[in-house]
């Protein structure tokens, strides 16, 4: 490691190690499968009971999927940084001279992987509970939307997770800071998903401009996180 006079580790290797470490921790703890997934599923079921109208549920299914995803994102990000803060791992990574950009990318990848699995389950729940229809023409749009939106959410969540990692009351501070920022993702992902489901008379072609917005959002916060994550976790 660079802190011991050895050759610096590349950003890609740091990212791979951090992502692997975070995912192994979650696989062993089973917090995601035992708490986050049931929580997201319960949110979807409660929406179904609250609205109690097949036509309305089918129309707003896309928005409900992404709302449940946002709520779960908060738990995933808090969990990711709470583990590192509790055992001093984040401080040790800085002292060891690991590139902060690699740490940022690695933690974002781990969050992204967990979100993708969650979103697949939520979309399946939407098909079963809300009776939405997904045609072949909408599959490509939906997959692209999920990739772009998930990347944006993971980068924003990791960036603000690092910002609030050492703050008092971070459990409430994180959603207060993060939720307004991810509003464009909620809007864009909802519109794109509605187009993929062709709900409310939307056409599949209507969703692609929103996917472009999601892609730009993800790139902006990826660059911002790579450039600023080091200074954030040092404060």
Protein backbone atom coordinates (compact mmCIF):
# COMPACT_ATOMS: atom_id res chain seq x y z
CA UNK A 1 0.00 0.00 0.00
CA UNK A 2 1.08 3.55 -0.67
CA UNK A 3 1.02 4.36 3.03
CA UNK A 4 3.82 1.77 3.57
CA UNK A 5 5.97 2.88 0.65
CA UNK A 6 4.67 0.28 -1.78
CA UNK A 7 3.38 1.05 -5.25
CA UNK A 8 -0.04 2.79 -5.08
CA UNK A 9 -3.04 0.54 -5.72
CA UNK A 10 -5.03 1.44 -8.80
CA UNK A 11 -8.48 3.00 -8.47
CA UNK A 12 -10.11 0.04 -10.19
CA UNK A 13 -8.53 -2.42 -7.77
CA UNK A 14 -9.50 -0.33 -4.74
CA UNK A 15 -13.07 -0.15 -6.07
CA UNK A 16 -13.18 -3.90 -6.59
CA UNK A 17 -11.86 -4.64 -3.11
CA UNK A 18 -14.25 -2.21 -1.40
CA UNK A 19 -17.26 -3.45 -3.36
CA UNK A 20 -16.41 -7.07 -2.61
CA UNK A 21 -15.91 -6.29 1.07
CA UNK A 22 -19.25 -4.48 1.40
CA UNK A 23 -21.17 -7.18 -0.45
CA UNK A 24 -19.60 -9.95 1.63
CA UNK A 25 -20.57 -8.13 4.82
CA UNK A 26 -24.18 -7.87 3.65
CA UNK A 27 -24.30 -11.48 2.52
CA UNK A 28 -23.06 -12.64 5.92
CA UNK A 29 -25.25 -10.32 7.97
CA UNK A 30 -28.36 -10.93 5.83
CA UNK A 31 -29.64 -7.49 6.78
CA UNK A 32 -30.69 -6.81 3.21
CA UNK A 33 -32.59 -10.05 2.77
CA UNK A 34 -34.08 -10.10 6.26
CA UNK A 35 -34.90 -6.41 6.67
CA UNK A 36 -34.61 -4.27 3.53
CA UNK A 37 -36.38 -6.61 1.11
CA UNK A 38 -39.30 -7.29 3.48
CA UNK A 39 -39.55 -3.56 4.23
CA UNK A 40 -39.76 -2.69 0.52
CA UNK A 41 -42.28 -5.45 -0.08
CA UNK A 42 -44.39 -4.22 2.83
CA UNK A 43 -44.36 -0.71 1.36
CA UNK A 44 -45.69 -2.08 -1.94
CA UNK A 45 -48.43 -4.03 -0.16
CA UNK A 46 -49.44 -1.02 1.93
CA UNK A 47 -49.70 1.09 -1.22
CA UNK A 48 -52.01 -1.55 -2.67
CA UNK A 49 -54.25 -1.44 0.40
CA UNK A 50 -54.19 2.36 0.61
CA UNK A 51 -55.19 2.97 -3.02
CA UNK A 52 -57.39 -0.13 -3.39
CA UNK A 53 -58.20 0.55 -7.03
CA UNK A 54 -56.77 -1.54 -9.85
CA UNK A 55 -56.96 1.28 -12.40
CA UNK A 56 -55.19 3.75 -10.11
CA UNK A 57 -52.57 1.20 -9.04
CA UNK A 58 -51.79 0.32 -12.64
CA UNK A 59 -51.42 4.00 -13.49
CA UNK A 60 -49.07 4.88 -10.62
CA UNK A 61 -47.19 1.58 -10.38
CA UNK A 62 -43.96 3.06 -11.73
CA UNK A 63 -43.91 5.82 -9.13
CA UNK A 64 -44.65 3.41 -6.29
CA UNK A 65 -41.77 1.14 -7.33
CA UNK A 66 -39.30 4.02 -7.24
CA UNK A 67 -40.67 5.44 -3.99
CA UNK A 68 -40.11 2.07 -2.33
CA UNK A 69 -36.62 2.03 -3.86
CA UNK A 70 -35.79 5.47 -2.43
CA UNK A 71 -36.93 4.48 1.06
CA UNK A 72 -34.79 1.35 0.85
CA UNK A 73 -31.82 3.33 -0.48
CA UNK A 74 -31.71 5.32 2.75
CA UNK A 75 -31.45 2.11 4.78
CA UNK A 76 -28.78 0.64 2.50
CA UNK A 77 -26.58 3.74 2.58
CA UNK A 78 -26.90 4.20 6.33
CA UNK A 79 -26.03 0.54 6.81
CA UNK A 80 -23.03 0.77 4.48
CA UNK A 81 -21.41 3.67 6.34
CA UNK A 82 -22.52 2.62 9.82
CA UNK A 83 -20.55 -0.63 9.50
CA UNK A 84 -17.41 1.22 8.38
CA UNK A 85 -17.76 3.89 11.05
CA UNK A 86 -18.38 1.40 13.86
CA UNK A 87 -15.19 -0.60 13.33
CA UNK A 88 -13.06 2.30 12.09
CA UNK A 89 -12.74 0.81 8.61
CA UNK A 90 -13.23 4.12 6.82
CA UNK A 91 -10.50 5.78 8.87
CA UNK A 92 -8.20 2.79 8.30
CA UNK A 93 -8.75 3.00 4.56
CA UNK A 94 -7.71 6.65 4.57
CA UNK A 95 -4.64 5.98 6.70
CA UNK A 96 -3.66 3.11 4.41
CA UNK A 97 -3.56 5.56 1.53
CA UNK A 98 -6.37 4.01 -0.51
CA UNK A 99 -7.56 6.35 -3.23
CA UNK A 100 -10.82 8.02 -2.09
CA UNK A 101 -12.14 7.82 -5.65
CA UNK A 102 -11.74 4.05 -5.54
CA UNK A 103 -13.50 3.88 -2.17
CA UNK A 104 -16.36 5.98 -3.54
CA UNK A 105 -16.75 3.87 -6.68
CA UNK A 106 -16.51 0.61 -4.75
CA UNK A 107 -19.15 1.55 -2.19
CA UNK A 108 -21.41 2.88 -4.95
CA UNK A 109 -21.08 -0.39 -6.88
CA UNK A 110 -22.03 -2.38 -3.78
CA UNK A 111 -25.10 -0.21 -3.20
CA UNK A 112 -25.97 -0.45 -6.89
CA UNK A 113 -25.81 -4.24 -6.89
CA UNK A 114 -28.17 -4.46 -3.93
CA UNK A 115 -30.56 -1.93 -5.46
CA UNK A 116 -30.76 -3.80 -8.77
CA UNK A 117 -31.84 -7.00 -7.01
CA UNK A 118 -34.36 -5.03 -4.95
CA UNK A 119 -35.78 -3.27 -8.01
CA UNK A 120 -36.24 -6.54 -9.88
CA UNK A 121 -38.29 -7.84 -6.96
CA UNK A 122 -40.30 -4.61 -6.76
CA UNK A 123 -41.07 -4.66 -10.48
CA UNK A 124 -42.20 -8.25 -10.16
CA UNK A 125 -44.39 -7.24 -7.22
CA UNK A 126 -45.86 -4.44 -9.33
CA UNK A 127 -46.81 -6.93 -12.04
CA UNK A 128 -48.42 -9.26 -9.49
CA UNK A 129 -50.03 -6.76 -7.12
CA UNK A 130 -50.85 -3.88 -9.44
CA UNK A 131 -51.54 -5.96 -12.56
CA UNK A 132 -49.38 -3.88 -14.87
CA UNK A 133 -48.45 -5.26 -18.25
CA UNK A 134 -44.93 -5.26 -19.67
CA UNK A 135 -44.62 -5.89 -23.38
CA UNK A 136 -41.46 -6.88 -25.22
CA UNK A 137 -41.13 -3.37 -26.67
CA UNK A 138 -40.87 -1.93 -23.17
CA UNK A 139 -38.29 -4.35 -21.77
CA UNK A 140 -35.26 -2.59 -23.28
CA UNK A 141 -36.51 0.77 -22.02
CA UNK A 142 -37.16 -0.61 -18.54
CA UNK A 143 -33.75 -2.29 -18.27
CA UNK A 144 -31.96 0.88 -19.44
CA UNK A 145 -34.01 2.97 -17.02
CA UNK A 146 -33.15 0.68 -14.12
CA UNK A 147 -29.42 0.82 -14.92
CA UNK A 148 -29.27 4.61 -15.27
CA UNK A 149 -31.55 5.38 -12.33
CA UNK A 150 -29.81 2.90 -10.05
CA UNK A 151 -26.41 4.33 -10.90
CA UNK A 152 -27.61 7.84 -10.11
CA UNK A 153 -29.15 6.77 -6.81
CA UNK A 154 -26.06 4.83 -5.79
CA UNK A 155 -23.68 7.70 -6.55
CA UNK A 156 -25.82 10.26 -4.74
CA UNK A 157 -26.39 7.94 -1.79
CA UNK A 158 -22.69 7.16 -1.44
CA UNK A 159 -21.72 10.82 -1.74
CA UNK A 160 -24.15 11.98 0.93
CA UNK A 161 -23.46 8.90 3.03
CA UNK A 162 -19.81 9.95 3.18
CA UNK A 163 -20.81 13.52 3.96
CA UNK A 164 -22.97 12.52 6.94
CA UNK A 165 -20.92 9.50 8.11
CA UNK A 166 -19.39 11.29 11.09
CA UNK A 167 -22.20 13.73 11.80
CA UNK A 168 -24.47 13.67 14.81
CA UNK A 169 -28.00 12.59 13.98
CA UNK A 170 -26.88 11.17 10.63
CA UNK A 171 -29.92 8.85 10.59
CA UNK A 172 -32.21 11.86 10.06
CA UNK A 173 -29.68 14.14 8.36
CA UNK A 174 -29.07 11.77 5.45
CA UNK A 175 -32.67 11.66 4.15
CA UNK A 176 -33.09 15.40 4.68
CA UNK A 177 -30.08 16.14 2.49
CA UNK A 178 -30.43 13.35 -0.04
CA UNK A 179 -34.13 13.15 -0.88
CA UNK A 180 -34.42 16.63 -2.46
CA UNK A 181 -31.37 15.90 -4.60
CA UNK A 182 -32.72 12.63 -5.99
CA UNK A 183 -36.07 14.16 -6.94
CA UNK A 184 -35.02 14.27 -10.64
CA UNK A 185 -34.30 10.54 -10.50
CA UNK A 186 -37.73 9.84 -9.00
CA UNK A 187 -39.44 11.90 -11.69
CA UNK A 188 -37.41 10.58 -14.60
CA UNK A 189 -37.48 6.94 -13.52
CA UNK A 190 -41.22 7.13 -12.86
CA UNK A 191 -41.96 8.58 -16.30
CA UNK A 192 -39.70 6.08 -18.05
CA UNK A 193 -41.21 3.15 -16.15
CA UNK A 194 -44.73 4.32 -16.92
CA UNK A 195 -43.79 4.42 -20.60
CA UNK A 196 -42.34 0.90 -20.38
CA UNK A 197 -45.60 -0.26 -18.80
CA UNK A 198 -47.58 1.86 -21.34
CA UNK A 199 -49.72 2.99 -18.42
CA UNK A 200 -51.92 6.06 -18.70
CA UNK A 201 -51.73 5.97 -22.47
CA UNK A 202 -47.96 6.58 -22.51
CA UNK A 203 -45.94 5.23 -25.43
CA UNK A 204 -42.62 3.44 -25.07
CA UNK A 205 -40.89 6.14 -27.11
CA UNK A 206 -41.94 8.75 -24.53
CA UNK A 207 -39.63 7.22 -21.95
CA UNK A 208 -36.30 7.54 -23.77
CA UNK A 209 -35.82 11.30 -23.19
CA UNK A 210 -36.27 10.63 -19.47
CA UNK A 211 -33.62 7.91 -19.63
CA UNK A 212 -31.29 10.52 -21.11
CA UNK A 213 -31.95 12.76 -18.10
CA UNK A 214 -31.18 9.86 -15.76
CA UNK A 215 -27.92 9.11 -17.58
CA UNK A 216 -26.76 12.73 -17.35
CA UNK A 217 -27.67 12.83 -13.65
CA UNK A 218 -25.65 9.67 -12.98
CA UNK A 219 -22.59 10.97 -14.85
CA UNK A 220 -22.67 14.32 -13.05
CA UNK A 221 -22.79 12.77 -9.59
CA UNK A 222 -20.25 10.11 -10.50
CA UNK A 223 -17.76 12.82 -11.45
CA UNK A 224 -18.70 14.93 -8.44
CA UNK A 225 -18.25 12.02 -6.07
CA UNK A 226 -14.90 10.99 -7.54
CA UNK A 227 -13.58 14.54 -7.19
CA UNK A 228 -14.96 15.40 -3.75
CA UNK A 229 -15.37 12.17 -1.77
CA UNK A 230 -11.89 12.34 -0.29
CA UNK A 231 -12.42 15.79 1.22
CA UNK A 232 -15.86 14.81 2.50
CA UNK A 233 -14.73 11.80 4.51
CA UNK A 234 -11.76 13.71 5.95
CA UNK A 235 -14.00 16.32 7.58
